[in-house]
């Protein structure tokens, strides 16, 4: 699996060097940085810009690429005893998924469950999460209703993000809680919304349609992470 970009490669070097199989460099880099790469004793391949661009599939690699071990998704059983989970109900935009994973990790969630989809593009989501996906358990559970029912059975309170919900700052947050976020276009599916214990929203100061789902997620996760 190819990961590219200076920041994410540096993050892997510092926090998860065991995942790196080899470095692929497309330009001369700073001597100190190159010395750090050599210290890891991983294979180093130098390639021309054309090949690097192909490996990055047109992305901005900045001359830094890493070939890493396949991402291992968490099993639901690994995170079911947590206190704070985020469920993404039908989100497919890798940029939004990655941004939410990054926020969830930074603001104290214990794990993220991607549901309502069969699979996600790991490389793109890892990049969008700035590498946070390597530090936060992420599970993929296709059947959304099944996972919501199981979470309720585990004693979680389900909070669904909705435009017609209660302002998040006025809602009492339980210790075992799940924030459920729907897709940009249609939100949380109706049958899933019926299973929510509370509907929550970000109160707007000025009249506007809605916030981007990753922006709304950041506010909601911050509030629920500090409950």
N, C-alpha and C. Protein backbone atom coordinates (compact mmCIF):
# COMPACT_ATOMS: atom_id res chain seq x y z
N UNK A 1 0.85 -1.18 0.00
CA UNK A 1 0.00 0.00 0.00
C UNK A 1 0.89 1.24 0.00
N UNK A 2 0.67 2.13 -0.96
CA UNK A 2 1.51 3.32 -1.08
C UNK A 2 0.86 4.51 -0.38
N UNK A 3 1.62 5.11 0.54
CA UNK A 3 1.21 6.32 1.23
C UNK A 3 2.17 7.42 0.79
N UNK A 4 1.67 8.60 0.54
CA UNK A 4 2.56 9.65 0.04
C UNK A 4 2.31 10.98 0.76
N UNK A 5 3.35 11.82 0.69
CA UNK A 5 3.30 13.13 1.35
C UNK A 5 4.29 13.17 2.50
N UNK A 6 5.01 14.27 2.61
CA UNK A 6 6.07 14.37 3.62
C UNK A 6 5.53 14.22 5.04
N UNK A 7 4.41 14.88 5.35
CA UNK A 7 3.90 14.86 6.72
C UNK A 7 3.52 13.47 7.17
N UNK A 8 2.78 12.76 6.33
CA UNK A 8 2.30 11.44 6.75
C UNK A 8 3.45 10.44 6.81
N UNK A 9 4.42 10.56 5.90
CA UNK A 9 5.58 9.66 5.96
C UNK A 9 6.39 9.94 7.24
N UNK A 10 6.53 11.21 7.59
CA UNK A 10 7.25 11.56 8.81
C UNK A 10 6.52 11.05 10.05
N UNK A 11 5.19 11.11 10.02
CA UNK A 11 4.39 10.60 11.14
C UNK A 11 4.60 9.11 11.31
N UNK A 12 4.61 8.39 10.19
CA UNK A 12 4.84 6.94 10.26
C UNK A 12 6.24 6.64 10.78
N UNK A 13 7.23 7.40 10.35
CA UNK A 13 8.61 7.20 10.81
C UNK A 13 8.69 7.35 12.32
N UNK A 14 7.98 8.32 12.84
CA UNK A 14 8.07 8.62 14.27
C UNK A 14 7.25 7.67 15.11
N UNK A 15 6.04 7.33 14.63
CA UNK A 15 5.11 6.61 15.50
C UNK A 15 4.88 5.16 15.13
N UNK A 16 5.07 4.82 13.84
CA UNK A 16 4.83 3.44 13.42
C UNK A 16 5.85 2.98 12.39
N UNK A 17 7.12 3.03 12.72
CA UNK A 17 8.14 2.61 11.74
C UNK A 17 8.02 1.14 11.35
N UNK A 18 7.41 0.34 12.23
CA UNK A 18 7.27 -1.09 11.93
C UNK A 18 6.34 -1.35 10.75
N UNK A 19 5.54 -0.37 10.39
CA UNK A 19 4.60 -0.54 9.27
C UNK A 19 5.24 -0.25 7.92
N UNK A 20 6.38 0.41 7.93
CA UNK A 20 7.02 0.82 6.68
C UNK A 20 7.81 -0.34 6.07
N UNK A 21 7.52 -0.65 4.82
CA UNK A 21 8.26 -1.69 4.10
C UNK A 21 9.46 -1.10 3.35
N UNK A 22 9.27 0.08 2.76
CA UNK A 22 10.36 0.75 2.04
C UNK A 22 9.99 2.21 1.82
N UNK A 23 11.02 3.00 1.60
CA UNK A 23 10.85 4.40 1.25
C UNK A 23 11.04 4.56 -0.25
N UNK A 24 10.24 5.42 -0.85
CA UNK A 24 10.37 5.74 -2.26
C UNK A 24 10.54 7.26 -2.36
N UNK A 25 11.69 7.68 -2.80
CA UNK A 25 12.00 9.11 -2.83
C UNK A 25 12.12 9.58 -4.27
N UNK A 26 11.50 10.74 -4.54
CA UNK A 26 11.48 11.25 -5.91
C UNK A 26 12.28 12.54 -6.06
N UNK A 27 12.99 12.92 -4.99
CA UNK A 27 13.84 14.11 -5.09
C UNK A 27 14.87 14.06 -3.97
N UNK A 28 15.87 14.88 -4.07
CA UNK A 28 16.86 14.99 -3.01
C UNK A 28 16.23 15.66 -1.81
N UNK A 29 16.47 15.11 -0.64
CA UNK A 29 15.88 15.70 0.56
C UNK A 29 16.98 16.14 1.52
N UNK A 30 16.57 16.87 2.52
CA UNK A 30 17.51 17.39 3.50
C UNK A 30 18.37 16.27 4.09
N UNK A 31 19.65 16.55 4.33
CA UNK A 31 20.57 15.52 4.82
C UNK A 31 20.15 14.97 6.17
N UNK A 32 19.65 15.82 7.04
CA UNK A 32 19.22 15.35 8.37
C UNK A 32 18.02 14.43 8.25
N UNK A 33 17.11 14.79 7.35
CA UNK A 33 15.92 13.95 7.15
C UNK A 33 16.31 12.62 6.53
N UNK A 34 17.24 12.66 5.60
CA UNK A 34 17.69 11.41 4.97
C UNK A 34 18.40 10.52 5.99
N UNK A 35 19.13 11.13 6.92
CA UNK A 35 19.81 10.36 7.96
C UNK A 35 18.81 9.64 8.84
N UNK A 36 17.68 10.30 9.13
CA UNK A 36 16.63 9.67 9.95
C UNK A 36 16.02 8.48 9.22
N UNK A 37 15.87 8.63 7.91
CA UNK A 37 15.34 7.51 7.11
C UNK A 37 16.31 6.33 7.16
N UNK A 38 17.60 6.60 6.99
CA UNK A 38 18.59 5.53 6.99
C UNK A 38 18.66 4.81 8.33
N UNK A 39 18.41 5.55 9.42
CA UNK A 39 18.44 4.94 10.76
C UNK A 39 17.42 3.82 10.90
N UNK A 40 16.34 3.88 10.14
CA UNK A 40 15.29 2.87 10.25
C UNK A 40 15.65 1.57 9.54
N UNK A 41 16.75 1.63 8.75
CA UNK A 41 17.23 0.43 8.06
C UNK A 41 16.15 -0.23 7.18
N UNK A 42 15.44 0.61 6.46
CA UNK A 42 14.45 0.13 5.50
C UNK A 42 15.00 0.34 4.09
N UNK A 43 14.56 -0.48 3.15
CA UNK A 43 15.00 -0.25 1.76
C UNK A 43 14.62 1.15 1.28
N UNK A 44 15.49 1.76 0.52
CA UNK A 44 15.24 3.09 -0.03
C UNK A 44 15.36 3.01 -1.55
N UNK A 45 14.30 3.40 -2.22
CA UNK A 45 14.30 3.40 -3.69
C UNK A 45 14.14 4.83 -4.18
N UNK A 46 15.00 5.23 -5.09
CA UNK A 46 14.89 6.55 -5.69
C UNK A 46 14.30 6.40 -7.08
N UNK A 47 13.26 7.18 -7.35
CA UNK A 47 12.56 7.07 -8.63
C UNK A 47 12.47 8.44 -9.29
N UNK A 48 12.19 8.43 -10.57
CA UNK A 48 12.03 9.71 -11.27
C UNK A 48 10.63 10.27 -11.01
N UNK A 49 10.44 11.57 -11.23
CA UNK A 49 9.14 12.22 -10.94
C UNK A 49 7.96 11.56 -11.63
N UNK A 50 8.15 11.05 -12.84
CA UNK A 50 7.06 10.43 -13.58
C UNK A 50 6.55 9.18 -12.87
N UNK A 51 7.49 8.34 -12.41
CA UNK A 51 7.08 7.12 -11.72
C UNK A 51 6.45 7.46 -10.37
N UNK A 52 7.01 8.44 -9.67
CA UNK A 52 6.43 8.84 -8.39
C UNK A 52 5.01 9.35 -8.57
N UNK A 53 4.79 10.12 -9.61
CA UNK A 53 3.44 10.63 -9.88
C UNK A 53 2.48 9.50 -10.16
N UNK A 54 2.95 8.47 -10.86
CA UNK A 54 2.10 7.31 -11.15
C UNK A 54 1.77 6.56 -9.86
N UNK A 55 2.77 6.38 -8.99
CA UNK A 55 2.54 5.68 -7.73
C UNK A 55 1.57 6.44 -6.84
N UNK A 56 1.64 7.77 -6.89
CA UNK A 56 0.75 8.61 -6.08
C UNK A 56 -0.58 8.87 -6.78
N UNK A 57 -0.73 8.31 -7.97
CA UNK A 57 -1.95 8.47 -8.75
C UNK A 57 -2.31 9.94 -8.94
N UNK A 58 -1.29 10.71 -9.21
CA UNK A 58 -1.52 12.12 -9.49
C UNK A 58 -1.56 13.01 -8.28
N UNK A 59 -1.41 12.44 -7.09
CA UNK A 59 -1.48 13.23 -5.86
C UNK A 59 -0.19 14.00 -5.61
N UNK A 60 -0.25 14.95 -4.69
CA UNK A 60 0.91 15.78 -4.36
C UNK A 60 1.80 15.03 -3.37
N UNK A 61 2.77 14.30 -3.88
CA UNK A 61 3.60 13.44 -3.03
C UNK A 61 4.77 14.18 -2.39
N UNK A 62 5.14 15.35 -2.89
CA UNK A 62 6.24 16.17 -2.34
C UNK A 62 7.58 15.44 -2.37
N UNK A 63 7.67 14.41 -3.20
CA UNK A 63 8.90 13.64 -3.28
C UNK A 63 9.01 12.54 -2.26
N UNK A 64 7.99 12.40 -1.39
CA UNK A 64 8.02 11.40 -0.30
C UNK A 64 6.90 10.37 -0.54
N UNK A 65 7.28 9.10 -0.61
CA UNK A 65 6.32 8.01 -0.68
C UNK A 65 6.81 6.87 0.21
N UNK A 66 5.87 6.16 0.81
CA UNK A 66 6.21 5.00 1.63
C UNK A 66 5.35 3.82 1.20
N UNK A 67 5.97 2.68 1.07
CA UNK A 67 5.25 1.44 0.84
C UNK A 67 5.04 0.82 2.22
N UNK A 68 3.77 0.72 2.66
CA UNK A 68 3.49 0.27 4.02
C UNK A 68 2.64 -1.00 4.01
N UNK A 69 2.62 -1.68 5.13
CA UNK A 69 1.82 -2.89 5.27
C UNK A 69 0.34 -2.55 5.14
N UNK A 70 -0.47 -3.48 4.66
CA UNK A 70 -1.91 -3.21 4.52
C UNK A 70 -2.53 -2.77 5.85
N UNK A 71 -3.45 -1.83 5.78
CA UNK A 71 -4.10 -1.35 7.00
C UNK A 71 -4.99 -2.44 7.59
N UNK A 72 -4.89 -2.60 8.89
CA UNK A 72 -5.73 -3.60 9.57
C UNK A 72 -6.90 -2.90 10.26
N UNK A 73 -8.08 -3.15 9.74
CA UNK A 73 -9.27 -2.57 10.37
C UNK A 73 -9.58 -3.29 11.67
N UNK A 74 -10.13 -2.55 12.61
CA UNK A 74 -10.49 -3.13 13.90
C UNK A 74 -11.74 -3.99 13.76
N UNK A 75 -11.85 -4.96 14.63
CA UNK A 75 -13.07 -5.73 14.75
C UNK A 75 -13.97 -5.03 15.76
N UNK A 76 -15.27 -5.07 15.54
CA UNK A 76 -16.19 -4.41 16.47
C UNK A 76 -15.97 -4.87 17.90
N UNK A 77 -15.65 -6.15 18.08
CA UNK A 77 -15.46 -6.68 19.43
C UNK A 77 -14.29 -6.02 20.15
N UNK A 78 -13.38 -5.43 19.39
CA UNK A 78 -12.22 -4.76 20.00
C UNK A 78 -12.59 -3.41 20.61
N UNK A 79 -13.69 -2.82 20.17
CA UNK A 79 -14.03 -1.47 20.63
C UNK A 79 -15.40 -1.38 21.31
N UNK A 80 -16.10 -2.50 21.41
CA UNK A 80 -17.47 -2.45 21.94
C UNK A 80 -17.53 -2.10 23.42
N UNK A 81 -16.42 -2.22 24.15
CA UNK A 81 -16.42 -1.88 25.57
C UNK A 81 -15.89 -0.48 25.82
N UNK A 82 -15.79 0.34 24.77
CA UNK A 82 -15.34 1.71 24.91
C UNK A 82 -16.44 2.59 25.48
N UNK A 83 -16.14 3.85 25.69
CA UNK A 83 -17.13 4.80 26.19
C UNK A 83 -17.69 5.71 25.10
N UNK A 84 -16.86 6.05 24.13
CA UNK A 84 -17.28 7.05 23.14
C UNK A 84 -16.90 6.60 21.73
N UNK A 85 -17.92 6.32 20.92
CA UNK A 85 -17.71 5.88 19.55
C UNK A 85 -18.40 6.83 18.57
N UNK A 86 -17.86 6.88 17.37
CA UNK A 86 -18.46 7.66 16.29
C UNK A 86 -18.84 6.71 15.16
N UNK A 87 -20.09 6.75 14.73
CA UNK A 87 -20.56 5.90 13.65
C UNK A 87 -20.85 6.77 12.44
N UNK A 88 -20.28 6.41 11.31
CA UNK A 88 -20.52 7.12 10.05
C UNK A 88 -21.52 6.30 9.25
N UNK A 89 -22.71 6.85 9.10
CA UNK A 89 -23.82 6.12 8.49
C UNK A 89 -23.96 6.46 7.02
N UNK A 90 -23.27 5.71 6.18
CA UNK A 90 -23.40 5.88 4.75
C UNK A 90 -22.51 6.92 4.12
N UNK A 91 -21.56 7.47 4.87
CA UNK A 91 -20.61 8.42 4.28
C UNK A 91 -19.70 7.70 3.30
N UNK A 92 -19.47 8.33 2.16
CA UNK A 92 -18.61 7.73 1.15
C UNK A 92 -17.46 8.64 0.74
N UNK A 93 -17.54 9.92 1.02
CA UNK A 93 -16.47 10.85 0.64
C UNK A 93 -15.25 10.61 1.51
N UNK A 94 -14.15 10.19 0.88
CA UNK A 94 -12.96 9.81 1.66
C UNK A 94 -12.36 11.01 2.39
N UNK A 95 -12.52 12.21 1.82
CA UNK A 95 -12.01 13.40 2.49
C UNK A 95 -12.74 13.65 3.80
N UNK A 96 -14.06 13.53 3.79
CA UNK A 96 -14.84 13.72 5.00
C UNK A 96 -14.58 12.61 6.02
N UNK A 97 -14.51 11.37 5.54
CA UNK A 97 -14.25 10.25 6.46
C UNK A 97 -12.90 10.44 7.14
N UNK A 98 -11.88 10.77 6.36
CA UNK A 98 -10.55 10.96 6.93
C UNK A 98 -10.50 12.12 7.90
N UNK A 99 -11.15 13.23 7.56
CA UNK A 99 -11.17 14.40 8.44
C UNK A 99 -11.86 14.08 9.76
N UNK A 100 -12.94 13.31 9.70
CA UNK A 100 -13.66 12.95 10.93
C UNK A 100 -12.82 12.01 11.79
N UNK A 101 -12.13 11.07 11.16
CA UNK A 101 -11.25 10.17 11.93
C UNK A 101 -10.16 10.98 12.63
N UNK A 102 -9.59 11.95 11.92
CA UNK A 102 -8.55 12.81 12.51
C UNK A 102 -9.09 13.57 13.71
N UNK A 103 -10.29 14.14 13.56
CA UNK A 103 -10.93 14.87 14.65
C UNK A 103 -11.26 13.95 15.81
N UNK A 104 -11.81 12.78 15.49
CA UNK A 104 -12.19 11.83 16.54
C UNK A 104 -10.98 11.44 17.38
N UNK A 105 -9.85 11.21 16.71
CA UNK A 105 -8.63 10.86 17.44
C UNK A 105 -8.15 12.03 18.30
N UNK A 106 -8.13 13.21 17.73
CA UNK A 106 -7.61 14.38 18.44
C UNK A 106 -8.48 14.78 19.63
N UNK A 107 -9.80 14.55 19.53
CA UNK A 107 -10.71 15.04 20.55
C UNK A 107 -11.22 13.95 21.49
N UNK A 108 -10.64 12.77 21.43
CA UNK A 108 -10.88 11.80 22.50
C UNK A 108 -11.86 10.68 22.25
N UNK A 109 -12.35 10.51 21.02
CA UNK A 109 -13.20 9.35 20.76
C UNK A 109 -12.36 8.08 20.84
N UNK A 110 -13.02 6.97 21.17
CA UNK A 110 -12.31 5.70 21.34
C UNK A 110 -12.25 4.88 20.06
N UNK A 111 -13.07 5.22 19.08
CA UNK A 111 -13.06 4.46 17.83
C UNK A 111 -14.10 5.00 16.87
N UNK A 112 -13.94 4.66 15.61
CA UNK A 112 -14.88 5.06 14.56
C UNK A 112 -15.36 3.82 13.84
N UNK A 113 -16.67 3.77 13.57
CA UNK A 113 -17.26 2.67 12.83
C UNK A 113 -17.82 3.24 11.53
N UNK A 114 -17.32 2.74 10.41
CA UNK A 114 -17.83 3.14 9.10
C UNK A 114 -18.87 2.11 8.70
N UNK A 115 -20.11 2.55 8.52
CA UNK A 115 -21.19 1.61 8.25
C UNK A 115 -22.04 2.09 7.08
N UNK A 116 -22.80 1.16 6.54
CA UNK A 116 -23.64 1.49 5.40
C UNK A 116 -22.90 1.43 4.09
N UNK A 117 -21.64 1.04 4.11
CA UNK A 117 -20.83 0.87 2.90
C UNK A 117 -20.10 -0.47 3.01
N UNK A 118 -19.75 -1.04 1.87
CA UNK A 118 -19.08 -2.34 1.88
C UNK A 118 -17.58 -2.21 2.13
N UNK A 119 -16.97 -1.14 1.61
CA UNK A 119 -15.54 -0.95 1.79
C UNK A 119 -15.20 0.51 1.55
N UNK A 120 -14.02 0.91 2.01
CA UNK A 120 -13.54 2.27 1.78
C UNK A 120 -12.12 2.20 1.22
N UNK A 121 -11.71 3.26 0.56
CA UNK A 121 -10.37 3.31 -0.02
C UNK A 121 -9.36 3.68 1.06
N UNK A 122 -8.70 2.67 1.59
CA UNK A 122 -7.83 2.86 2.75
C UNK A 122 -6.78 3.94 2.54
N UNK A 123 -6.06 3.88 1.41
CA UNK A 123 -4.97 4.82 1.19
C UNK A 123 -5.45 6.26 1.24
N UNK A 124 -6.58 6.53 0.58
CA UNK A 124 -7.11 7.89 0.52
C UNK A 124 -7.59 8.36 1.89
N UNK A 125 -8.22 7.48 2.65
CA UNK A 125 -8.72 7.86 3.96
C UNK A 125 -7.55 8.08 4.93
N UNK A 126 -6.54 7.23 4.85
CA UNK A 126 -5.36 7.40 5.70
C UNK A 126 -4.73 8.76 5.45
N UNK A 127 -4.60 9.12 4.18
CA UNK A 127 -4.00 10.42 3.85
C UNK A 127 -4.87 11.57 4.37
N UNK A 128 -6.19 11.46 4.17
CA UNK A 128 -7.10 12.52 4.62
C UNK A 128 -7.10 12.64 6.14
N UNK A 129 -6.79 11.55 6.84
CA UNK A 129 -6.75 11.59 8.31
C UNK A 129 -5.41 12.04 8.83
N UNK A 130 -4.47 12.35 7.92
CA UNK A 130 -3.11 12.76 8.29
C UNK A 130 -2.42 11.69 9.13
N UNK A 131 -2.80 10.43 8.91
CA UNK A 131 -2.16 9.33 9.62
C UNK A 131 -2.83 8.96 10.93
N UNK A 132 -3.84 9.73 11.36
CA UNK A 132 -4.52 9.42 12.63
C UNK A 132 -5.19 8.06 12.60
N UNK A 133 -5.49 7.58 11.40
CA UNK A 133 -6.14 6.28 11.25
C UNK A 133 -5.26 5.14 11.77
N UNK A 134 -3.95 5.36 11.84
CA UNK A 134 -3.06 4.34 12.39
C UNK A 134 -3.10 4.29 13.92
N UNK A 135 -3.66 5.33 14.54
CA UNK A 135 -3.68 5.41 16.00
C UNK A 135 -5.06 5.26 16.61
N UNK A 136 -6.09 5.27 15.80
CA UNK A 136 -7.46 5.14 16.29
C UNK A 136 -8.12 3.92 15.66
N UNK A 137 -8.73 3.03 16.45
CA UNK A 137 -9.39 1.88 15.86
C UNK A 137 -10.51 2.31 14.91
N UNK A 138 -10.49 1.77 13.71
CA UNK A 138 -11.53 2.05 12.72
C UNK A 138 -12.08 0.71 12.24
N UNK A 139 -13.37 0.52 12.39
CA UNK A 139 -14.02 -0.72 11.96
C UNK A 139 -14.96 -0.43 10.80
N UNK A 140 -15.11 -1.39 9.91
CA UNK A 140 -16.07 -1.28 8.81
C UNK A 140 -17.13 -2.35 9.03
N UNK A 141 -18.36 -1.92 9.28
CA UNK A 141 -19.48 -2.83 9.52
C UNK A 141 -20.59 -2.48 8.53
N UNK A 142 -20.77 -3.25 7.47
CA UNK A 142 -21.71 -2.88 6.41
C UNK A 142 -23.15 -2.63 6.86
N UNK A 143 -23.68 -3.47 7.75
CA UNK A 143 -25.09 -3.34 8.13
C UNK A 143 -25.26 -2.35 9.27
N UNK A 144 -25.78 -1.18 8.94
CA UNK A 144 -25.92 -0.10 9.91
C UNK A 144 -26.91 -0.44 11.01
N UNK A 145 -28.06 -0.98 10.67
CA UNK A 145 -29.09 -1.25 11.67
C UNK A 145 -28.62 -2.30 12.67
N UNK A 146 -27.92 -3.30 12.20
CA UNK A 146 -27.41 -4.34 13.10
C UNK A 146 -26.45 -3.74 14.13
N UNK A 147 -25.55 -2.88 13.67
CA UNK A 147 -24.56 -2.32 14.59
C UNK A 147 -25.21 -1.38 15.58
N UNK A 148 -26.21 -0.62 15.16
CA UNK A 148 -26.92 0.28 16.08
C UNK A 148 -27.65 -0.53 17.15
N UNK A 149 -28.30 -1.62 16.74
CA UNK A 149 -29.00 -2.46 17.71
C UNK A 149 -28.02 -3.06 18.72
N UNK A 150 -26.87 -3.51 18.23
CA UNK A 150 -25.89 -4.11 19.13
C UNK A 150 -25.32 -3.08 20.10
N UNK A 151 -25.10 -1.86 19.61
CA UNK A 151 -24.59 -0.80 20.49
C UNK A 151 -25.60 -0.47 21.58
N UNK A 152 -26.86 -0.44 21.23
CA UNK A 152 -27.89 -0.18 22.25
C UNK A 152 -27.92 -1.29 23.29
N UNK A 153 -27.75 -2.53 22.83
CA UNK A 153 -27.73 -3.65 23.75
C UNK A 153 -26.53 -3.58 24.69
N UNK A 154 -25.44 -2.94 24.22
CA UNK A 154 -24.24 -2.79 25.03
C UNK A 154 -24.36 -1.62 26.01
N UNK A 155 -25.49 -0.95 25.99
CA UNK A 155 -25.71 0.13 26.95
C UNK A 155 -25.33 1.51 26.47
N UNK A 156 -25.06 1.65 25.18
CA UNK A 156 -24.72 2.96 24.64
C UNK A 156 -25.98 3.79 24.41
N UNK A 157 -25.86 5.09 24.62
CA UNK A 157 -26.91 6.04 24.22
C UNK A 157 -26.54 6.56 22.84
N UNK A 158 -27.50 6.53 21.92
CA UNK A 158 -27.24 6.93 20.54
C UNK A 158 -27.69 8.37 20.31
N UNK A 159 -26.76 9.19 19.85
CA UNK A 159 -27.05 10.59 19.53
C UNK A 159 -26.91 10.77 18.02
N UNK A 160 -28.02 11.08 17.34
CA UNK A 160 -28.00 11.24 15.89
C UNK A 160 -27.92 12.69 15.48
N UNK A 161 -26.98 13.01 14.62
CA UNK A 161 -26.85 14.38 14.12
C UNK A 161 -27.98 14.66 13.14
N UNK A 162 -28.72 15.73 13.40
CA UNK A 162 -29.87 16.06 12.56
C UNK A 162 -30.12 17.56 12.60
N UNK A 163 -30.54 18.13 11.46
CA UNK A 163 -30.83 19.55 11.40
C UNK A 163 -31.93 19.95 12.37
N UNK A 164 -32.87 19.03 12.65
CA UNK A 164 -33.98 19.35 13.54
C UNK A 164 -33.74 18.85 14.97
N UNK A 165 -32.48 18.59 15.32
CA UNK A 165 -32.17 18.09 16.65
C UNK A 165 -32.09 19.19 17.69
N UNK A 166 -31.85 18.77 18.93
CA UNK A 166 -31.65 19.72 20.02
C UNK A 166 -30.24 20.30 19.94
N UNK A 167 -30.06 21.57 20.27
CA UNK A 167 -28.70 22.14 20.28
C UNK A 167 -27.80 21.31 21.19
N UNK A 168 -26.65 20.91 20.71
CA UNK A 168 -25.78 19.99 21.44
C UNK A 168 -25.38 20.53 22.80
N UNK A 169 -25.25 21.85 22.93
CA UNK A 169 -24.81 22.41 24.21
C UNK A 169 -25.86 22.29 25.31
N UNK A 170 -27.11 22.01 24.93
CA UNK A 170 -28.17 21.88 25.93
C UNK A 170 -28.52 20.43 26.24
N UNK A 171 -27.81 19.49 25.62
CA UNK A 171 -28.12 18.06 25.79
C UNK A 171 -27.18 17.43 26.80
N UNK A 172 -27.75 16.69 27.75
CA UNK A 172 -26.92 15.95 28.71
C UNK A 172 -26.34 14.73 28.00
N UNK A 173 -25.05 14.56 28.13
CA UNK A 173 -24.36 13.47 27.44
C UNK A 173 -24.03 12.35 28.42
N UNK A 174 -24.44 11.15 28.07
CA UNK A 174 -24.18 9.99 28.92
C UNK A 174 -22.73 9.52 28.76
N UNK A 175 -22.27 8.75 29.74
CA UNK A 175 -20.88 8.29 29.70
C UNK A 175 -20.62 7.36 28.52
N UNK A 176 -21.53 6.40 28.31
CA UNK A 176 -21.39 5.50 27.15
C UNK A 176 -22.23 6.09 26.03
N UNK A 177 -21.57 6.70 25.06
CA UNK A 177 -22.29 7.43 24.04
C UNK A 177 -21.75 7.14 22.65
N UNK A 178 -22.66 7.27 21.69
CA UNK A 178 -22.32 7.09 20.28
C UNK A 178 -22.86 8.29 19.51
N UNK A 179 -21.99 8.91 18.74
CA UNK A 179 -22.43 9.97 17.83
C UNK A 179 -22.58 9.35 16.45
N UNK A 180 -23.78 9.48 15.87
CA UNK A 180 -24.05 8.94 14.55
C UNK A 180 -24.17 10.09 13.56
N UNK A 181 -23.38 10.02 12.50
CA UNK A 181 -23.35 11.07 11.47
C UNK A 181 -23.77 10.48 10.14
N UNK A 182 -24.68 11.16 9.45
CA UNK A 182 -25.16 10.67 8.17
C UNK A 182 -24.41 11.27 6.99
N UNK A 183 -24.80 10.87 5.81
CA UNK A 183 -24.13 11.33 4.59
C UNK A 183 -24.49 12.77 4.29
N UNK A 184 -23.65 13.40 3.46
CA UNK A 184 -23.87 14.79 3.08
C UNK A 184 -25.24 14.99 2.44
N UNK A 185 -25.61 14.11 1.54
CA UNK A 185 -26.83 14.33 0.78
C UNK A 185 -28.12 14.02 1.51
N UNK A 186 -28.17 12.87 2.19
CA UNK A 186 -29.44 12.43 2.77
C UNK A 186 -29.43 12.27 4.28
N UNK A 187 -28.31 12.51 4.92
CA UNK A 187 -28.25 12.39 6.37
C UNK A 187 -28.37 10.95 6.84
N UNK A 188 -28.79 10.77 8.06
CA UNK A 188 -28.96 9.43 8.62
C UNK A 188 -30.22 8.80 8.03
N UNK A 189 -30.15 7.56 7.53
CA UNK A 189 -31.34 6.91 6.98
C UNK A 189 -32.49 6.89 8.00
N UNK A 190 -33.72 6.97 7.49
CA UNK A 190 -34.90 7.08 8.35
C UNK A 190 -34.98 5.96 9.37
N UNK A 191 -34.81 4.71 8.93
CA UNK A 191 -34.93 3.58 9.86
C UNK A 191 -33.85 3.63 10.93
N UNK A 192 -32.68 4.13 10.58
CA UNK A 192 -31.61 4.27 11.57
C UNK A 192 -31.93 5.42 12.53
N UNK A 193 -32.46 6.52 12.00
CA UNK A 193 -32.79 7.66 12.86
C UNK A 193 -33.84 7.28 13.90
N UNK A 194 -34.73 6.38 13.56
CA UNK A 194 -35.77 5.93 14.51
C UNK A 194 -35.17 5.24 15.73
N UNK A 195 -33.94 4.77 15.62
CA UNK A 195 -33.28 4.08 16.72
C UNK A 195 -32.48 5.03 17.62
N UNK A 196 -32.40 6.29 17.24
CA UNK A 196 -31.64 7.25 18.04
C UNK A 196 -32.35 7.55 19.36
N UNK A 197 -31.58 7.71 20.42
CA UNK A 197 -32.14 8.11 21.71
C UNK A 197 -32.35 9.63 21.75
N UNK A 198 -31.43 10.36 21.12
CA UNK A 198 -31.55 11.82 21.05
C UNK A 198 -31.08 12.28 19.67
N UNK A 199 -31.70 13.35 19.20
CA UNK A 199 -31.24 14.00 17.98
C UNK A 199 -30.55 15.30 18.37
N UNK A 200 -29.37 15.51 17.84
CA UNK A 200 -28.60 16.70 18.23
C UNK A 200 -28.18 17.49 16.99
N UNK A 201 -27.94 18.77 17.20
CA UNK A 201 -27.54 19.62 16.09
C UNK A 201 -26.60 20.71 16.59
N UNK A 202 -25.97 21.39 15.66
CA UNK A 202 -25.15 22.56 15.96
C UNK A 202 -26.01 23.78 15.67
N UNK A 203 -26.30 24.55 16.71
CA UNK A 203 -27.15 25.73 16.55
C UNK A 203 -26.44 26.80 15.75
N UNK A 204 -27.10 27.28 14.71
CA UNK A 204 -26.53 28.30 13.84
C UNK A 204 -26.76 29.70 14.42
N UNK A 205 -25.78 30.54 14.32
CA UNK A 205 -25.93 31.94 14.72
C UNK A 205 -26.60 32.73 13.60
N UNK A 206 -26.26 32.40 12.38
CA UNK A 206 -26.86 33.04 11.22
C UNK A 206 -27.60 32.00 10.38
N UNK A 207 -28.65 32.42 9.67
CA UNK A 207 -29.40 31.46 8.85
C UNK A 207 -28.53 30.90 7.72
N UNK A 208 -28.45 29.58 7.68
CA UNK A 208 -27.66 28.92 6.64
C UNK A 208 -28.16 27.50 6.53
N UNK A 209 -27.94 26.90 5.38
CA UNK A 209 -28.46 25.56 5.13
C UNK A 209 -27.91 24.55 6.13
N UNK A 210 -26.61 24.34 6.12
CA UNK A 210 -25.99 23.39 7.06
C UNK A 210 -24.49 23.51 6.98
N UNK A 211 -23.81 22.89 7.94
CA UNK A 211 -22.36 22.81 7.90
C UNK A 211 -21.94 21.55 7.13
N UNK A 212 -20.74 21.58 6.58
CA UNK A 212 -20.16 20.37 6.04
C UNK A 212 -20.12 19.31 7.14
N UNK A 213 -20.35 18.06 6.80
CA UNK A 213 -20.46 17.02 7.82
C UNK A 213 -19.21 16.91 8.69
N UNK A 214 -18.02 17.12 8.10
CA UNK A 214 -16.80 17.01 8.91
C UNK A 214 -16.67 18.21 9.86
N UNK A 215 -17.18 19.39 9.44
CA UNK A 215 -17.15 20.56 10.33
C UNK A 215 -18.14 20.37 11.48
N UNK A 216 -19.33 19.90 11.16
CA UNK A 216 -20.32 19.63 12.20
C UNK A 216 -19.81 18.55 13.15
N UNK A 217 -19.17 17.52 12.59
CA UNK A 217 -18.63 16.44 13.41
C UNK A 217 -17.63 16.97 14.42
N UNK A 218 -16.78 17.90 14.01
CA UNK A 218 -15.76 18.43 14.91
C UNK A 218 -16.40 19.10 16.12
N UNK A 219 -17.45 19.88 15.88
CA UNK A 219 -18.13 20.57 16.98
C UNK A 219 -18.83 19.56 17.90
N UNK A 220 -19.53 18.62 17.31
CA UNK A 220 -20.27 17.63 18.10
C UNK A 220 -19.33 16.72 18.89
N UNK A 221 -18.25 16.29 18.25
CA UNK A 221 -17.29 15.42 18.94
C UNK A 221 -16.62 16.17 20.09
N UNK A 222 -16.29 17.44 19.87
CA UNK A 222 -15.70 18.24 20.94
C UNK A 222 -16.62 18.32 22.14
N UNK A 223 -17.89 18.60 21.88
CA UNK A 223 -18.87 18.71 22.98
C UNK A 223 -19.06 17.36 23.68
N UNK A 224 -19.18 16.30 22.92
CA UNK A 224 -19.43 15.00 23.51
C UNK A 224 -18.18 14.40 24.13
N UNK A 225 -17.01 14.80 23.62
CA UNK A 225 -15.76 14.31 24.21
C UNK A 225 -15.43 14.95 25.52
N UNK A 226 -16.06 16.09 25.79
CA UNK A 226 -15.82 16.80 27.05
C UNK A 226 -17.02 16.76 27.98
N UNK A 227 -17.85 15.73 27.78
CA UNK A 227 -19.06 15.60 28.60
C UNK A 227 -18.70 15.24 30.03
